[in-house]
Protein backbone atom coordinates (compact mmCIF):
# COMPACT_ATOMS: atom_id res chain seq x y z
CA UNK A 1 -0.02 0.03 -0.02
CA UNK A 2 1.17 3.49 -0.80
CA UNK A 3 2.39 5.91 1.88
CA UNK A 4 1.62 9.55 1.60
CA UNK A 5 2.87 12.25 4.06
CA UNK A 6 1.12 15.51 4.90
CA UNK A 7 3.26 18.68 4.82
CA UNK A 8 2.71 19.01 8.51
CA UNK A 9 4.09 15.52 9.16
CA UNK A 10 7.08 16.15 7.01
CA UNK A 11 7.75 19.51 8.73
CA UNK A 12 7.44 17.94 12.19
CA UNK A 13 9.75 15.09 11.35
CA UNK A 14 12.41 17.49 9.80
CA UNK A 15 12.30 19.80 12.84
CA UNK A 16 12.66 16.93 15.28
CA UNK A 17 15.52 15.53 13.46
CA UNK A 18 17.24 18.97 13.20
CA UNK A 19 16.68 19.47 16.90
CA UNK A 20 18.22 16.11 17.72
CA UNK A 21 21.09 16.48 15.28
CA UNK A 22 22.02 19.84 16.87
CA UNK A 23 22.78 17.96 20.06
CA UNK A 24 23.69 14.47 18.73
CA UNK A 25 24.15 13.68 15.07
CA UNK A 26 24.36 9.99 15.87
CA UNK A 27 21.14 10.31 17.87
CA UNK A 28 19.42 11.82 14.92
CA UNK A 29 20.60 9.04 12.64
CA UNK A 30 19.27 6.42 15.13
CA UNK A 31 15.80 8.09 15.34
CA UNK A 32 15.70 8.48 11.58
CA UNK A 33 16.41 4.79 11.11
CA UNK A 34 13.64 4.01 13.63
CA UNK A 35 11.27 6.30 11.75
CA UNK A 36 12.04 4.51 8.50
CA UNK A 37 11.46 1.10 10.13
CA UNK A 38 8.23 2.25 11.56
CA UNK A 39 7.02 3.52 8.14
CA UNK A 40 7.92 0.17 6.63
CA UNK A 41 6.01 -1.62 9.42
CA UNK A 42 2.88 0.60 8.83
CA UNK A 43 3.12 0.02 5.08
CA UNK A 44 3.23 -3.77 5.52
CA UNK A 45 0.76 -3.92 8.45
CA UNK A 46 -1.59 -0.81 8.28
CA UNK A 47 -3.43 -1.95 11.35
CA UNK A 48 -0.29 -2.27 13.55
CA UNK A 49 -0.92 1.05 15.29
CA UNK A 50 -3.35 1.64 18.03
CA UNK A 51 -6.75 3.23 17.38
CA UNK A 52 -7.14 6.78 18.66
CA UNK A 53 -10.14 8.65 19.87
CA UNK A 54 -10.25 10.44 16.45
CA UNK A 55 -12.22 8.32 14.03
CA UNK A 56 -10.05 6.53 11.44
CA UNK A 57 -6.72 7.48 13.01
CA UNK A 58 -4.08 5.23 14.44
CA UNK A 59 -0.83 5.96 16.32
CA UNK A 60 2.38 4.11 16.57
CA UNK A 61 5.01 4.80 19.23
CA UNK A 62 8.70 4.80 18.12
CA UNK A 63 9.86 2.68 20.87
CA UNK A 64 12.40 3.10 22.52
CA UNK A 65 12.15 6.81 21.40
CA UNK A 66 9.41 9.08 22.76
CA UNK A 67 7.95 9.97 19.41
CA UNK A 68 4.42 9.04 18.01
CA UNK A 69 3.36 8.76 14.45
CA UNK A 70 -0.29 9.45 13.65
CA UNK A 71 -1.84 8.02 10.50
CA UNK A 72 -4.98 6.92 8.82
CA UNK A 73 -5.64 4.18 6.36
CA UNK A 74 -7.79 4.70 3.30
CA UNK A 75 -8.81 2.27 0.62
CA UNK A 76 -5.67 2.87 -1.43
CA UNK A 77 -3.08 4.57 0.78
CA UNK A 78 -1.81 5.28 4.23
CA UNK A 79 -1.56 8.94 5.20
CA UNK A 80 1.00 9.93 7.68
CA UNK A 81 -0.66 13.05 9.26
CA UNK A 82 1.39 14.04 12.30
CA UNK A 83 4.55 13.31 14.14
CA UNK A 84 5.31 14.55 17.62
CA UNK A 85 7.03 13.91 20.97
CA UNK A 86 4.92 11.91 23.29
CA UNK A 87 5.15 14.46 26.02
CA UNK A 88 3.62 17.18 23.73
CA UNK A 89 0.00 18.04 24.18
CA UNK A 90 -2.15 16.81 21.28
CA UNK A 91 -3.19 19.50 18.81
CA UNK A 92 -6.75 20.69 19.29
CA UNK A 93 -8.98 19.99 16.34
């Protein structure tokens, strides 16, 4: 199944990796590898993430890192909608 990323999600991932890289380039590489692995998991097993209270949305925690990927599955694609630190308050809708 095809993965699609919202601009918001891409911006959030980029800013997170930039922030980590400014403190630890190796740490940023490790988190980036985990993000890529998580995307591959979601692509192969779209139902892998936990359902959220928002209808149709799932979340996947990037264990052992404190980051969460939010996505939804449609008939023909998986849309990565948000990426945030687990300690951040959820965005209000």
